Amino acid sequence: MTEKISLKAAERKAFTAAFEDGLWDVFLGCFMLMFVIAPFLSASMGDFLSSAVFLPFLGILWLVIVLIRKWVIRPRVGTMKFGVSRKTRMMKFTVIMLIFNVLALIGGAIAAVTTDVVAGRVHVVIFSGLCLAGFSIAGYFLGFRRLYLYGLLVGGSPLVGEYLWAYHGFSHHGFPVTFGVCSAIMIITGLVLFVRLLRNNPLPAEGLPSEGM
């Protein structure tokens, strides 16, 4: 029993270590840039296109992360195949996040057809709650603890932005400022973690076998 628990603990540690290279932090930070730049494009391109224009950029970034993981990270830290319990947990996470995103999409469609000021402020609160819930769910299932903090940052951004817009005259409901801060925090955190991983895990000497995780 003790050995089984130890193996589960080791597997959990190895799984969460996959998020310690900082690459997902960078990806999330770049995703947040959409809320920084899109408001300035919405007047000329519309709300949908001003956001959709970022999809190719995010797709390229995803590909770059995959290649970095393959050619830079893997030779340093190796790879590990996970057991049935971990795969089952990831399957549950995928299903829950799919349902969550469908509900969020339906909510966004409903919000798009209501434009009165009171409802708009209610939508801001709902949007903040959805961001916090989404990040928290992901943080729980993935064991990615920084997502809890990111959830607070992202969830609080619309509320703070609304305050800056209403009382201090910030443009675009303060999104460029608040989400810009979130993006900067995520990207800088990710880059620091990535550099630290490279520094602590140099490539093995040529001719010597590397240890897998």
N, C-alpha and C. Protein backbone atom coordinates (compact mmCIF):
# COMPACT_ATOMS: atom_id res chain seq x y z
N MET A 1 0.84 -1.21 0.00
CA MET A 1 0.00 0.00 0.00
C MET A 1 0.87 1.25 0.00
N THR A 2 1.90 1.26 0.85
CA THR A 2 2.80 2.42 0.93
C THR A 2 3.49 2.66 -0.40
N GLU A 3 3.90 1.55 -1.06
CA GLU A 3 4.57 1.67 -2.35
C GLU A 3 3.62 2.24 -3.39
N LYS A 4 2.34 1.81 -3.34
CA LYS A 4 1.34 2.30 -4.29
C LYS A 4 1.12 3.79 -4.11
N ILE A 5 1.02 4.22 -2.84
CA ILE A 5 0.84 5.64 -2.56
C ILE A 5 2.04 6.44 -3.03
N SER A 6 3.25 5.87 -2.82
CA SER A 6 4.46 6.56 -3.24
C SER A 6 4.51 6.73 -4.76
N LEU A 7 4.07 5.68 -5.48
CA LEU A 7 4.04 5.76 -6.94
C LEU A 7 3.06 6.81 -7.42
N LYS A 8 1.89 6.89 -6.75
CA LYS A 8 0.90 7.90 -7.12
C LYS A 8 1.44 9.31 -6.86
N ALA A 9 2.13 9.45 -5.72
CA ALA A 9 2.70 10.75 -5.38
C ALA A 9 3.77 11.14 -6.39
N ALA A 10 4.59 10.16 -6.80
CA ALA A 10 5.63 10.43 -7.78
C ALA A 10 5.03 10.80 -9.12
N GLU A 11 3.95 10.11 -9.51
CA GLU A 11 3.29 10.41 -10.77
C GLU A 11 2.66 11.80 -10.74
N ARG A 12 2.04 12.14 -9.59
CA ARG A 12 1.44 13.46 -9.45
C ARG A 12 2.51 14.56 -9.54
N LYS A 13 3.65 14.31 -8.91
CA LYS A 13 4.74 15.29 -8.94
C LYS A 13 5.27 15.46 -10.36
N ALA A 14 5.42 14.35 -11.07
CA ALA A 14 5.91 14.42 -12.45
C ALA A 14 4.91 15.13 -13.35
N PHE A 15 3.60 14.89 -13.10
CA PHE A 15 2.57 15.52 -13.92
C PHE A 15 2.56 17.03 -13.72
N THR A 16 2.60 17.46 -12.46
CA THR A 16 2.59 18.90 -12.18
C THR A 16 3.88 19.56 -12.63
N ALA A 17 4.98 18.79 -12.69
CA ALA A 17 6.25 19.35 -13.15
C ALA A 17 6.18 19.78 -14.60
N ALA A 18 5.20 19.24 -15.34
CA ALA A 18 5.05 19.61 -16.75
C ALA A 18 4.68 21.07 -16.90
N PHE A 19 4.18 21.69 -15.83
CA PHE A 19 3.80 23.10 -15.90
C PHE A 19 4.87 24.03 -15.33
N GLU A 20 5.98 23.44 -14.95
CA GLU A 20 7.03 24.26 -14.34
C GLU A 20 8.03 24.80 -15.36
N ASP A 21 7.80 24.53 -16.65
CA ASP A 21 8.69 25.11 -17.65
C ASP A 21 8.27 26.51 -18.05
N GLY A 22 7.10 26.95 -17.58
CA GLY A 22 6.65 28.32 -17.82
C GLY A 22 6.01 28.55 -19.18
N LEU A 23 5.98 27.55 -20.04
CA LEU A 23 5.46 27.76 -21.39
C LEU A 23 3.96 28.00 -21.40
N TRP A 24 3.24 27.31 -20.52
CA TRP A 24 1.80 27.55 -20.46
C TRP A 24 1.50 28.94 -19.90
N ASP A 25 2.34 29.41 -19.00
CA ASP A 25 2.17 30.77 -18.49
C ASP A 25 2.30 31.78 -19.62
N VAL A 26 3.31 31.56 -20.48
CA VAL A 26 3.52 32.46 -21.61
C VAL A 26 2.32 32.40 -22.57
N PHE A 27 1.82 31.18 -22.82
CA PHE A 27 0.69 31.03 -23.73
C PHE A 27 -0.55 31.76 -23.17
N LEU A 28 -0.82 31.57 -21.89
CA LEU A 28 -1.97 32.24 -21.28
C LEU A 28 -1.81 33.76 -21.32
N GLY A 29 -0.58 34.22 -21.06
CA GLY A 29 -0.32 35.65 -21.10
C GLY A 29 -0.55 36.22 -22.49
N CYS A 30 -0.13 35.48 -23.51
CA CYS A 30 -0.36 35.93 -24.90
C CYS A 30 -1.84 35.89 -25.24
N PHE A 31 -2.56 34.91 -24.70
CA PHE A 31 -4.00 34.84 -24.91
C PHE A 31 -4.69 36.07 -24.30
N MET A 32 -4.22 36.49 -23.13
CA MET A 32 -4.80 37.67 -22.49
C MET A 32 -4.58 38.94 -23.31
N LEU A 33 -3.56 38.92 -24.17
CA LEU A 33 -3.32 40.09 -25.03
C LEU A 33 -4.50 40.37 -25.95
N MET A 34 -5.30 39.35 -26.21
CA MET A 34 -6.48 39.54 -27.03
C MET A 34 -7.41 40.58 -26.41
N PHE A 35 -7.53 40.54 -25.08
CA PHE A 35 -8.40 41.50 -24.39
C PHE A 35 -7.76 42.88 -24.30
N VAL A 36 -6.47 42.94 -24.57
CA VAL A 36 -5.76 44.22 -24.55
C VAL A 36 -5.88 44.93 -25.90
N ILE A 37 -5.72 44.17 -26.98
CA ILE A 37 -5.65 44.76 -28.32
C ILE A 37 -7.00 44.77 -29.02
N ALA A 38 -7.80 43.71 -28.83
CA ALA A 38 -9.07 43.59 -29.54
C ALA A 38 -10.00 44.80 -29.36
N PRO A 39 -10.09 45.40 -28.15
CA PRO A 39 -10.97 46.56 -28.02
C PRO A 39 -10.64 47.70 -28.99
N PHE A 40 -9.36 47.86 -29.33
CA PHE A 40 -8.98 48.92 -30.25
C PHE A 40 -9.33 48.57 -31.70
N LEU A 41 -9.54 47.28 -31.97
CA LEU A 41 -9.85 46.85 -33.34
C LEU A 41 -11.34 46.69 -33.57
N SER A 42 -12.12 46.62 -32.49
CA SER A 42 -13.54 46.31 -32.63
C SER A 42 -14.31 47.36 -33.42
N ALA A 43 -13.88 48.63 -33.34
CA ALA A 43 -14.61 49.68 -34.06
C ALA A 43 -14.53 49.49 -35.56
N SER A 44 -13.40 49.03 -36.05
CA SER A 44 -13.21 48.87 -37.50
C SER A 44 -13.49 47.45 -37.99
N MET A 45 -13.31 46.45 -37.12
CA MET A 45 -13.43 45.07 -37.56
C MET A 45 -14.65 44.36 -36.98
N GLY A 46 -15.26 44.93 -35.94
CA GLY A 46 -16.36 44.26 -35.27
C GLY A 46 -15.85 43.40 -34.13
N ASP A 47 -16.72 43.09 -33.20
CA ASP A 47 -16.30 42.36 -32.01
C ASP A 47 -15.79 40.96 -32.34
N PHE A 48 -16.46 40.28 -33.28
CA PHE A 48 -16.06 38.90 -33.58
C PHE A 48 -14.71 38.84 -34.28
N LEU A 49 -14.55 39.59 -35.35
CA LEU A 49 -13.31 39.55 -36.11
C LEU A 49 -12.13 40.10 -35.32
N SER A 50 -12.38 41.08 -34.47
CA SER A 50 -11.28 41.65 -33.68
C SER A 50 -10.70 40.63 -32.72
N SER A 51 -11.49 39.63 -32.36
CA SER A 51 -10.98 38.55 -31.51
C SER A 51 -10.47 37.38 -32.35
N ALA A 52 -11.20 37.06 -33.43
CA ALA A 52 -10.83 35.93 -34.27
C ALA A 52 -9.48 36.12 -34.95
N VAL A 53 -9.09 37.37 -35.16
CA VAL A 53 -7.83 37.64 -35.84
C VAL A 53 -6.63 37.12 -35.05
N PHE A 54 -6.84 36.85 -33.76
CA PHE A 54 -5.75 36.35 -32.91
C PHE A 54 -5.57 34.84 -33.03
N LEU A 55 -6.55 34.14 -33.59
CA LEU A 55 -6.47 32.68 -33.65
C LEU A 55 -5.23 32.17 -34.40
N PRO A 56 -4.89 32.72 -35.56
CA PRO A 56 -3.66 32.25 -36.22
C PRO A 56 -2.42 32.47 -35.36
N PHE A 57 -2.35 33.62 -34.70
CA PHE A 57 -1.21 33.90 -33.83
C PHE A 57 -1.12 32.89 -32.71
N LEU A 58 -2.27 32.58 -32.07
CA LEU A 58 -2.28 31.60 -30.98
C LEU A 58 -1.96 30.20 -31.49
N GLY A 59 -2.42 29.88 -32.71
CA GLY A 59 -2.09 28.59 -33.29
C GLY A 59 -0.60 28.44 -33.54
N ILE A 60 0.03 29.49 -34.06
CA ILE A 60 1.48 29.46 -34.28
C ILE A 60 2.22 29.35 -32.96
N LEU A 61 1.75 30.09 -31.96
CA LEU A 61 2.39 30.03 -30.64
C LEU A 61 2.28 28.63 -30.05
N TRP A 62 1.13 28.01 -30.22
CA TRP A 62 0.93 26.63 -29.74
C TRP A 62 1.95 25.70 -30.40
N LEU A 63 2.12 25.84 -31.71
CA LEU A 63 3.07 25.01 -32.44
C LEU A 63 4.49 25.24 -31.94
N VAL A 64 4.84 26.50 -31.69
CA VAL A 64 6.17 26.83 -31.18
C VAL A 64 6.40 26.17 -29.83
N ILE A 65 5.38 26.19 -28.96
CA ILE A 65 5.50 25.57 -27.64
C ILE A 65 5.71 24.07 -27.78
N VAL A 66 4.96 23.43 -28.68
CA VAL A 66 5.12 21.99 -28.90
C VAL A 66 6.54 21.68 -29.35
N LEU A 67 7.08 22.48 -30.25
CA LEU A 67 8.43 22.25 -30.75
C LEU A 67 9.48 22.50 -29.67
N ILE A 68 9.28 23.54 -28.86
CA ILE A 68 10.21 23.80 -27.77
C ILE A 68 10.20 22.65 -26.77
N ARG A 69 9.00 22.15 -26.47
CA ARG A 69 8.90 21.01 -25.57
C ARG A 69 9.66 19.80 -26.13
N LYS A 70 9.54 19.60 -27.43
CA LYS A 70 10.15 18.43 -28.05
C LYS A 70 11.67 18.56 -28.16
N TRP A 71 12.14 19.72 -28.59
CA TRP A 71 13.56 19.86 -28.92
C TRP A 71 14.40 20.51 -27.82
N VAL A 72 13.74 21.18 -26.87
CA VAL A 72 14.49 21.88 -25.83
C VAL A 72 14.24 21.28 -24.45
N ILE A 73 12.95 21.07 -24.11
CA ILE A 73 12.61 20.59 -22.76
C ILE A 73 12.85 19.10 -22.60
N ARG A 74 12.36 18.31 -23.55
CA ARG A 74 12.44 16.85 -23.42
C ARG A 74 13.87 16.34 -23.29
N PRO A 75 14.83 16.83 -24.06
CA PRO A 75 16.20 16.33 -23.88
C PRO A 75 16.78 16.62 -22.51
N ARG A 76 16.22 17.60 -21.81
CA ARG A 76 16.73 17.97 -20.49
C ARG A 76 16.06 17.22 -19.35
N VAL A 77 14.75 17.02 -19.43
CA VAL A 77 14.02 16.43 -18.31
C VAL A 77 13.41 15.08 -18.63
N GLY A 78 13.44 14.67 -19.90
CA GLY A 78 12.90 13.38 -20.27
C GLY A 78 11.38 13.40 -20.36
N THR A 79 10.77 12.23 -20.48
CA THR A 79 9.32 12.09 -20.58
C THR A 79 8.85 10.99 -19.62
N MET A 80 7.53 10.97 -19.42
CA MET A 80 6.95 9.95 -18.55
C MET A 80 5.55 9.59 -19.04
N LYS A 81 5.23 8.30 -19.06
CA LYS A 81 3.89 7.86 -19.40
C LYS A 81 3.09 7.71 -18.12
N PHE A 82 1.86 8.26 -18.14
CA PHE A 82 1.04 8.27 -16.94
C PHE A 82 0.06 7.11 -16.92
N GLY A 83 -0.36 6.77 -15.70
CA GLY A 83 -1.24 5.62 -15.49
C GLY A 83 -2.69 5.91 -15.81
N VAL A 84 -3.52 4.88 -15.57
CA VAL A 84 -4.94 4.96 -15.90
C VAL A 84 -5.64 6.04 -15.09
N SER A 85 -5.32 6.15 -13.79
CA SER A 85 -6.00 7.12 -12.93
C SER A 85 -5.76 8.55 -13.41
N ARG A 86 -4.54 8.84 -13.83
CA ARG A 86 -4.23 10.18 -14.31
C ARG A 86 -4.94 10.45 -15.64
N LYS A 87 -5.00 9.45 -16.50
CA LYS A 87 -5.68 9.62 -17.78
C LYS A 87 -7.18 9.81 -17.57
N THR A 88 -7.74 9.08 -16.59
CA THR A 88 -9.16 9.23 -16.27
C THR A 88 -9.45 10.63 -15.75
N ARG A 89 -8.55 11.13 -14.91
CA ARG A 89 -8.72 12.48 -14.37
C ARG A 89 -8.68 13.51 -15.50
N MET A 90 -7.80 13.32 -16.47
CA MET A 90 -7.72 14.25 -17.59
C MET A 90 -8.96 14.16 -18.47
N MET A 91 -9.52 12.95 -18.59
CA MET A 91 -10.75 12.80 -19.36
C MET A 91 -11.90 13.55 -18.70
N LYS A 92 -12.00 13.44 -17.36
CA LYS A 92 -13.03 14.17 -16.63
C LYS A 92 -12.84 15.67 -16.81
N PHE A 93 -11.59 16.11 -16.74
CA PHE A 93 -11.28 17.53 -16.91
C PHE A 93 -11.72 18.01 -18.29
N THR A 94 -11.45 17.21 -19.32
CA THR A 94 -11.81 17.59 -20.69
C THR A 94 -13.32 17.72 -20.84
N VAL A 95 -14.07 16.76 -20.28
CA VAL A 95 -15.53 16.79 -20.39
C VAL A 95 -16.10 17.99 -19.64
N ILE A 96 -15.61 18.22 -18.42
CA ILE A 96 -16.11 19.33 -17.62
C ILE A 96 -15.82 20.66 -18.29
N MET A 97 -14.60 20.82 -18.82
CA MET A 97 -14.25 22.08 -19.47
C MET A 97 -15.04 22.28 -20.77
N LEU A 98 -15.36 21.19 -21.46
CA LEU A 98 -16.18 21.29 -22.67
C LEU A 98 -17.57 21.80 -22.32
N ILE A 99 -18.16 21.21 -21.27
CA ILE A 99 -19.48 21.66 -20.84
C ILE A 99 -19.42 23.11 -20.37
N PHE A 100 -18.38 23.43 -19.61
CA PHE A 100 -18.23 24.79 -19.08
C PHE A 100 -18.13 25.80 -20.23
N ASN A 101 -17.34 25.47 -21.24
CA ASN A 101 -17.16 26.41 -22.35
C ASN A 101 -18.42 26.55 -23.20
N VAL A 102 -19.17 25.47 -23.35
CA VAL A 102 -20.43 25.55 -24.09
C VAL A 102 -21.40 26.48 -23.36
N LEU A 103 -21.49 26.31 -22.03
CA LEU A 103 -22.37 27.18 -21.24
C LEU A 103 -21.90 28.63 -21.30
N ALA A 104 -20.58 28.83 -21.26
CA ALA A 104 -20.05 30.19 -21.35
C ALA A 104 -20.35 30.79 -22.71
N LEU A 105 -20.27 29.98 -23.77
CA LEU A 105 -20.58 30.47 -25.12
C LEU A 105 -22.04 30.86 -25.25
N ILE A 106 -22.92 30.04 -24.67
CA ILE A 106 -24.35 30.37 -24.68
C ILE A 106 -24.60 31.67 -23.91
N GLY A 107 -23.93 31.79 -22.75
CA GLY A 107 -24.07 33.02 -21.97
C GLY A 107 -23.56 34.24 -22.73
N GLY A 108 -22.46 34.07 -23.47
CA GLY A 108 -21.92 35.18 -24.25
C GLY A 108 -22.86 35.58 -25.37
N ALA A 109 -23.51 34.59 -25.98
CA ALA A 109 -24.47 34.90 -27.04
C ALA A 109 -25.67 35.66 -26.50
N ILE A 110 -26.12 35.28 -25.30
CA ILE A 110 -27.23 36.00 -24.67
C ILE A 110 -26.82 37.42 -24.32
N ALA A 111 -25.59 37.57 -23.80
CA ALA A 111 -25.10 38.90 -23.43
C ALA A 111 -24.96 39.81 -24.65
N ALA A 112 -24.66 39.22 -25.80
CA ALA A 112 -24.43 40.02 -27.00
C ALA A 112 -25.69 40.72 -27.48
N VAL A 113 -26.86 40.19 -27.12
CA VAL A 113 -28.10 40.80 -27.61
C VAL A 113 -28.74 41.73 -26.59
N THR A 114 -28.11 41.93 -25.46
CA THR A 114 -28.60 42.87 -24.45
C THR A 114 -27.59 43.98 -24.29
N THR A 115 -28.03 45.20 -24.40
CA THR A 115 -27.09 46.32 -24.43
C THR A 115 -27.36 47.39 -23.37
N ASP A 116 -28.36 47.21 -22.51
CA ASP A 116 -28.64 48.26 -21.53
C ASP A 116 -27.53 48.30 -20.49
N VAL A 117 -27.35 49.44 -19.84
CA VAL A 117 -26.24 49.68 -18.94
C VAL A 117 -26.26 48.75 -17.73
N VAL A 118 -27.43 48.57 -17.14
CA VAL A 118 -27.52 47.72 -15.95
C VAL A 118 -27.12 46.29 -16.29
N ALA A 119 -27.69 45.77 -17.38
CA ALA A 119 -27.34 44.41 -17.79
C ALA A 119 -25.87 44.30 -18.11
N GLY A 120 -25.31 45.38 -18.70
CA GLY A 120 -23.89 45.37 -19.04
C GLY A 120 -23.04 45.17 -17.80
N ARG A 121 -23.39 45.84 -16.72
CA ARG A 121 -22.63 45.68 -15.49
C ARG A 121 -22.82 44.30 -14.89
N VAL A 122 -24.02 43.76 -15.03
CA VAL A 122 -24.26 42.39 -14.57
C VAL A 122 -23.40 41.42 -15.36
N HIS A 123 -23.29 41.68 -16.67
CA HIS A 123 -22.48 40.81 -17.52
C HIS A 123 -21.01 40.85 -17.11
N VAL A 124 -20.56 41.99 -16.66
CA VAL A 124 -19.17 42.10 -16.21
C VAL A 124 -18.93 41.19 -15.01
N VAL A 125 -19.88 41.19 -14.08
CA VAL A 125 -19.76 40.34 -12.88
C VAL A 125 -19.79 38.86 -13.29
N ILE A 126 -20.69 38.52 -14.20
CA ILE A 126 -20.79 37.13 -14.65
C ILE A 126 -19.51 36.72 -15.36
N PHE A 127 -18.99 37.60 -16.21
CA PHE A 127 -17.75 37.31 -16.94
C PHE A 127 -16.60 37.07 -15.95
N SER A 128 -16.53 37.89 -14.91
CA SER A 128 -15.49 37.72 -13.90
C SER A 128 -15.64 36.38 -13.19
N GLY A 129 -16.89 36.04 -12.85
CA GLY A 129 -17.13 34.77 -12.18
C GLY A 129 -16.77 33.58 -13.05
N LEU A 130 -17.07 33.67 -14.34
CA LEU A 130 -16.73 32.58 -15.26
C LEU A 130 -15.23 32.41 -15.38
N CYS A 131 -14.51 33.53 -15.45
CA CYS A 131 -13.05 33.45 -15.54
C CYS A 131 -12.46 32.79 -14.29
N LEU A 132 -12.94 33.20 -13.14
CA LEU A 132 -12.45 32.63 -11.89
C LEU A 132 -12.78 31.15 -11.81
N ALA A 133 -14.01 30.77 -12.18
CA ALA A 133 -14.42 29.37 -12.12
C ALA A 133 -13.61 28.53 -13.10
N GLY A 134 -13.43 29.02 -14.32
CA GLY A 134 -12.69 28.27 -15.32
C GLY A 134 -11.25 28.01 -14.92
N PHE A 135 -10.57 29.04 -14.44
CA PHE A 135 -9.19 28.88 -14.01
C PHE A 135 -9.09 27.97 -12.79
N SER A 136 -10.06 28.07 -11.89
CA SER A 136 -10.04 27.24 -10.68
C SER A 136 -10.26 25.77 -11.01
N ILE A 137 -11.19 25.48 -11.93
CA ILE A 137 -11.43 24.10 -12.34
C ILE A 137 -10.17 23.51 -12.96
N ALA A 138 -9.54 24.28 -13.85
CA ALA A 138 -8.31 23.81 -14.50
C ALA A 138 -7.20 23.62 -13.47
N GLY A 139 -7.09 24.55 -12.54
CA GLY A 139 -6.05 24.44 -11.51
C GLY A 139 -6.23 23.20 -10.66
N TYR A 140 -7.48 22.86 -10.36
CA TYR A 140 -7.75 21.69 -9.52
C TYR A 140 -7.41 20.39 -10.24
N PHE A 141 -7.90 20.23 -11.46
CA PHE A 141 -7.70 18.97 -12.17
C PHE A 141 -6.26 18.81 -12.66
N LEU A 142 -5.61 19.90 -12.99
CA LEU A 142 -4.25 19.81 -13.51
C LEU A 142 -3.19 19.89 -12.42
N GLY A 143 -3.59 20.28 -11.20
CA GLY A 143 -2.61 20.48 -10.15
C GLY A 143 -1.71 21.66 -10.44
N PHE A 144 -2.21 22.58 -11.24
CA PHE A 144 -1.46 23.76 -11.70
C PHE A 144 -1.85 24.92 -10.78
N ARG A 145 -1.17 25.03 -9.65
CA ARG A 145 -1.62 25.93 -8.59
C ARG A 145 -1.60 27.39 -8.97
N ARG A 146 -0.72 27.79 -9.87
CA ARG A 146 -0.67 29.20 -10.27
C ARG A 146 -1.97 29.63 -10.95
N LEU A 147 -2.72 28.66 -11.47
CA LEU A 147 -3.98 29.01 -12.12
C LEU A 147 -4.98 29.62 -11.15
N TYR A 148 -4.89 29.28 -9.87
CA TYR A 148 -5.78 29.90 -8.89
C TYR A 148 -5.49 31.40 -8.80
N LEU A 149 -4.21 31.75 -8.76
CA LEU A 149 -3.83 33.15 -8.72
C LEU A 149 -4.20 33.85 -10.03
N TYR A 150 -3.94 33.18 -11.14
CA TYR A 150 -4.30 33.77 -12.43
C TYR A 150 -5.82 33.96 -12.52
N GLY A 151 -6.57 33.03 -11.96
CA GLY A 151 -8.02 33.17 -11.95
C GLY A 151 -8.47 34.42 -11.21
N LEU A 152 -7.82 34.69 -10.09
CA LEU A 152 -8.15 35.92 -9.34
C LEU A 152 -7.78 37.16 -10.14
N LEU A 153 -6.63 37.12 -10.79
CA LEU A 153 -6.19 38.27 -11.59
C LEU A 153 -7.12 38.52 -12.77
N VAL A 154 -7.41 37.45 -13.51
CA VAL A 154 -8.26 37.60 -14.69
C VAL A 154 -9.70 37.89 -14.30
N GLY A 155 -10.19 37.20 -13.26
CA GLY A 155 -11.54 37.45 -12.81
C GLY A 155 -11.74 38.85 -12.27
N GLY A 156 -10.71 39.41 -11.66
CA GLY A 156 -10.83 40.76 -11.13
C GLY A 156 -10.62 41.84 -12.16
N SER A 157 -10.03 41.50 -13.30
CA SER A 157 -9.72 42.50 -14.32
C SER A 157 -10.95 43.22 -14.87
N PRO A 158 -12.04 42.51 -15.24
CA PRO A 158 -13.21 43.23 -15.72
C PRO A 158 -13.82 44.16 -14.67
N LEU A 159 -13.80 43.73 -13.40
CA LEU A 159 -14.37 44.56 -12.34
C LEU A 159 -13.54 45.82 -12.12
N VAL A 160 -12.22 45.65 -12.05
CA VAL A 160 -11.34 46.81 -11.88
C VAL A 160 -11.42 47.70 -13.11
N GLY A 161 -11.46 47.08 -14.29
CA GLY A 161 -11.56 47.85 -15.53
C GLY A 161 -12.83 48.67 -15.58
N GLU A 162 -13.94 48.09 -15.14
CA GLU A 162 -15.21 48.82 -15.12
C GLU A 162 -15.12 50.02 -14.18
N TYR A 163 -14.45 49.85 -13.05
CA TYR A 163 -14.26 50.95 -12.10
C TYR A 163 -13.41 52.05 -12.73
N LEU A 164 -12.32 51.66 -13.39
CA LEU A 164 -11.44 52.65 -14.02
C LEU A 164 -12.17 53.40 -15.13
N TRP A 165 -13.02 52.69 -15.84
CA TRP A 165 -13.78 53.33 -16.93
C TRP A 165 -14.84 54.29 -16.39
N ALA A 166 -15.57 53.85 -15.35
CA ALA A 166 -16.69 54.64 -14.82
C ALA A 166 -16.24 55.86 -14.03
N TYR A 167 -15.13 55.74 -13.29
CA TYR A 167 -14.75 56.81 -12.36
C TYR A 167 -13.46 57.55 -12.75
N HIS A 168 -12.70 56.99 -13.67
CA HIS A 168 -11.44 57.64 -14.03
C HIS A 168 -11.27 57.82 -15.54
N GLY A 169 -12.30 57.50 -16.29
CA GLY A 169 -12.30 57.79 -17.71
C GLY A 169 -11.40 56.94 -18.57
N PHE A 170 -10.99 55.76 -18.09
CA PHE A 170 -10.16 54.89 -18.90
C PHE A 170 -10.95 54.38 -20.10
N SER A 171 -10.30 54.25 -21.22
CA SER A 171 -10.98 53.82 -22.44
C SER A 171 -11.25 52.33 -22.44
N HIS A 172 -12.24 51.93 -23.25
CA HIS A 172 -12.56 50.53 -23.48
C HIS A 172 -12.77 49.74 -22.18
N HIS A 173 -13.47 50.39 -21.27
CA HIS A 173 -13.82 49.77 -19.98
C HIS A 173 -12.59 49.31 -19.20
N GLY A 174 -11.46 49.95 -19.45
CA GLY A 174 -10.25 49.64 -18.70
C GLY A 174 -9.58 48.34 -19.06
N PHE A 175 -10.12 47.61 -20.06
CA PHE A 175 -9.56 46.30 -20.41
C PHE A 175 -8.09 46.37 -20.82
N PRO A 176 -7.68 47.33 -21.66
CA PRO A 176 -6.27 47.35 -22.05
C PRO A 176 -5.31 47.45 -20.87
N VAL A 177 -5.73 48.14 -19.81
CA VAL A 177 -4.87 48.31 -18.64
C VAL A 177 -4.89 47.06 -17.77
N THR A 178 -6.08 46.63 -17.38
CA THR A 178 -6.18 45.52 -16.42
C THR A 178 -5.69 44.20 -17.03
N PHE A 179 -6.14 43.92 -18.24
CA PHE A 179 -5.69 42.68 -18.87
C PHE A 179 -4.24 42.78 -19.32
N GLY A 180 -3.78 44.01 -19.57
CA GLY A 180 -2.37 44.19 -19.89
C GLY A 180 -1.48 43.82 -18.71
N VAL A 181 -1.93 44.19 -17.51
CA VAL A 181 -1.18 43.83 -16.30
C VAL A 181 -1.17 42.31 -16.12
N CYS A 182 -2.35 41.67 -16.32
CA CYS A 182 -2.42 40.20 -16.22
C CYS A 182 -1.48 39.54 -17.20
N SER A 183 -1.53 40.02 -18.44
CA SER A 183 -0.68 39.44 -19.48
C SER A 183 0.79 39.57 -19.13
N ALA A 184 1.19 40.73 -18.66
CA ALA A 184 2.60 40.96 -18.31
C ALA A 184 3.04 40.04 -17.18
N ILE A 185 2.20 39.88 -16.16
CA ILE A 185 2.53 39.02 -15.03
C ILE A 185 2.72 37.58 -15.49
N MET A 186 1.81 37.09 -16.33
CA MET A 186 1.88 35.71 -16.80
C MET A 186 3.11 35.48 -17.67
N ILE A 187 3.35 36.38 -18.61
CA ILE A 187 4.46 36.20 -19.54
C ILE A 187 5.80 36.28 -18.80
N ILE A 188 5.94 37.26 -17.92
CA ILE A 188 7.19 37.40 -17.17
C ILE A 188 7.42 36.18 -16.27
N THR A 189 6.34 35.72 -15.59
CA THR A 189 6.46 34.52 -14.76
C THR A 189 6.90 33.33 -15.59
N GLY A 190 6.29 33.16 -16.75
CA GLY A 190 6.64 32.05 -17.62
C GLY A 190 8.07 32.11 -18.09
N LEU A 191 8.53 33.28 -18.49
CA LEU A 191 9.91 33.40 -18.97
C LEU A 191 10.91 33.14 -17.85
N VAL A 192 10.62 33.61 -16.64
CA VAL A 192 11.50 33.36 -15.51
C VAL A 192 11.59 31.86 -15.23
N LEU A 193 10.45 31.17 -15.24
CA LEU A 193 10.44 29.73 -14.99
C LEU A 193 11.17 28.98 -16.11
N PHE A 194 11.00 29.42 -17.34
CA PHE A 194 11.65 28.75 -18.47
C PHE A 194 13.17 28.89 -18.38
N VAL A 195 13.63 30.09 -18.09
CA VAL A 195 15.07 30.32 -17.96
C VAL A 195 15.63 29.52 -16.79
N ARG A 196 14.88 29.47 -15.68
CA ARG A 196 15.34 28.70 -14.52
C ARG A 196 15.44 27.22 -14.84
N LEU A 197 14.47 26.69 -15.59
CA LEU A 197 14.51 25.28 -15.96
C LEU A 197 15.74 24.99 -16.83
N LEU A 198 16.01 25.85 -17.79
CA LEU A 198 17.17 25.63 -18.65
C LEU A 198 18.47 25.70 -17.85
N ARG A 199 18.51 26.60 -16.89
CA ARG A 199 19.72 26.77 -16.07
C ARG A 199 19.93 25.56 -15.15
N ASN A 200 18.83 25.05 -14.59
CA ASN A 200 18.95 23.94 -13.64
C ASN A 200 19.03 22.57 -14.31
N ASN A 201 18.71 22.52 -15.61
CA ASN A 201 18.72 21.24 -16.31
C ASN A 201 19.50 21.38 -17.62
N PRO A 202 20.82 21.46 -17.53
CA PRO A 202 21.63 21.55 -18.75
C PRO A 202 21.53 20.27 -19.55
N LEU A 203 21.83 20.37 -20.83
CA LEU A 203 21.82 19.19 -21.67
C LEU A 203 22.87 18.19 -21.18
N PRO A 204 22.54 16.88 -21.18
CA PRO A 204 23.53 15.89 -20.77
C PRO A 204 24.71 15.88 -21.72
N ALA A 205 25.85 15.50 -21.18
CA ALA A 205 27.07 15.46 -22.01
C ALA A 205 26.87 14.49 -23.16
N GLU A 206 27.41 14.84 -24.31
CA GLU A 206 27.26 14.02 -25.50
C GLU A 206 27.83 12.62 -25.25
N GLY A 207 27.02 11.64 -25.61
CA GLY A 207 27.47 10.26 -25.45
C GLY A 207 26.97 9.61 -24.17
N LEU A 208 26.43 10.45 -23.24
CA LEU A 208 25.92 9.91 -21.99
C LEU A 208 24.40 9.84 -22.07
N PRO A 209 23.78 8.75 -21.63
CA PRO A 209 22.32 8.64 -21.69
C PRO A 209 21.67 9.58 -20.69
N SER A 210 20.54 10.19 -21.09
CA SER A 210 19.80 11.06 -20.17
C SER A 210 18.78 10.23 -19.41
N GLU A 211 18.48 10.65 -18.20
CA GLU A 211 17.53 9.94 -17.35
C GLU A 211 16.13 10.42 -17.66
N GLY A 212 15.21 9.52 -17.90
CA GLY A 212 13.82 9.88 -18.13
C GLY A 212 13.12 10.11 -16.82
N MET A 213 12.03 10.91 -16.86
CA MET A 213 11.26 11.19 -15.66
C MET A 213 10.40 9.97 -15.31
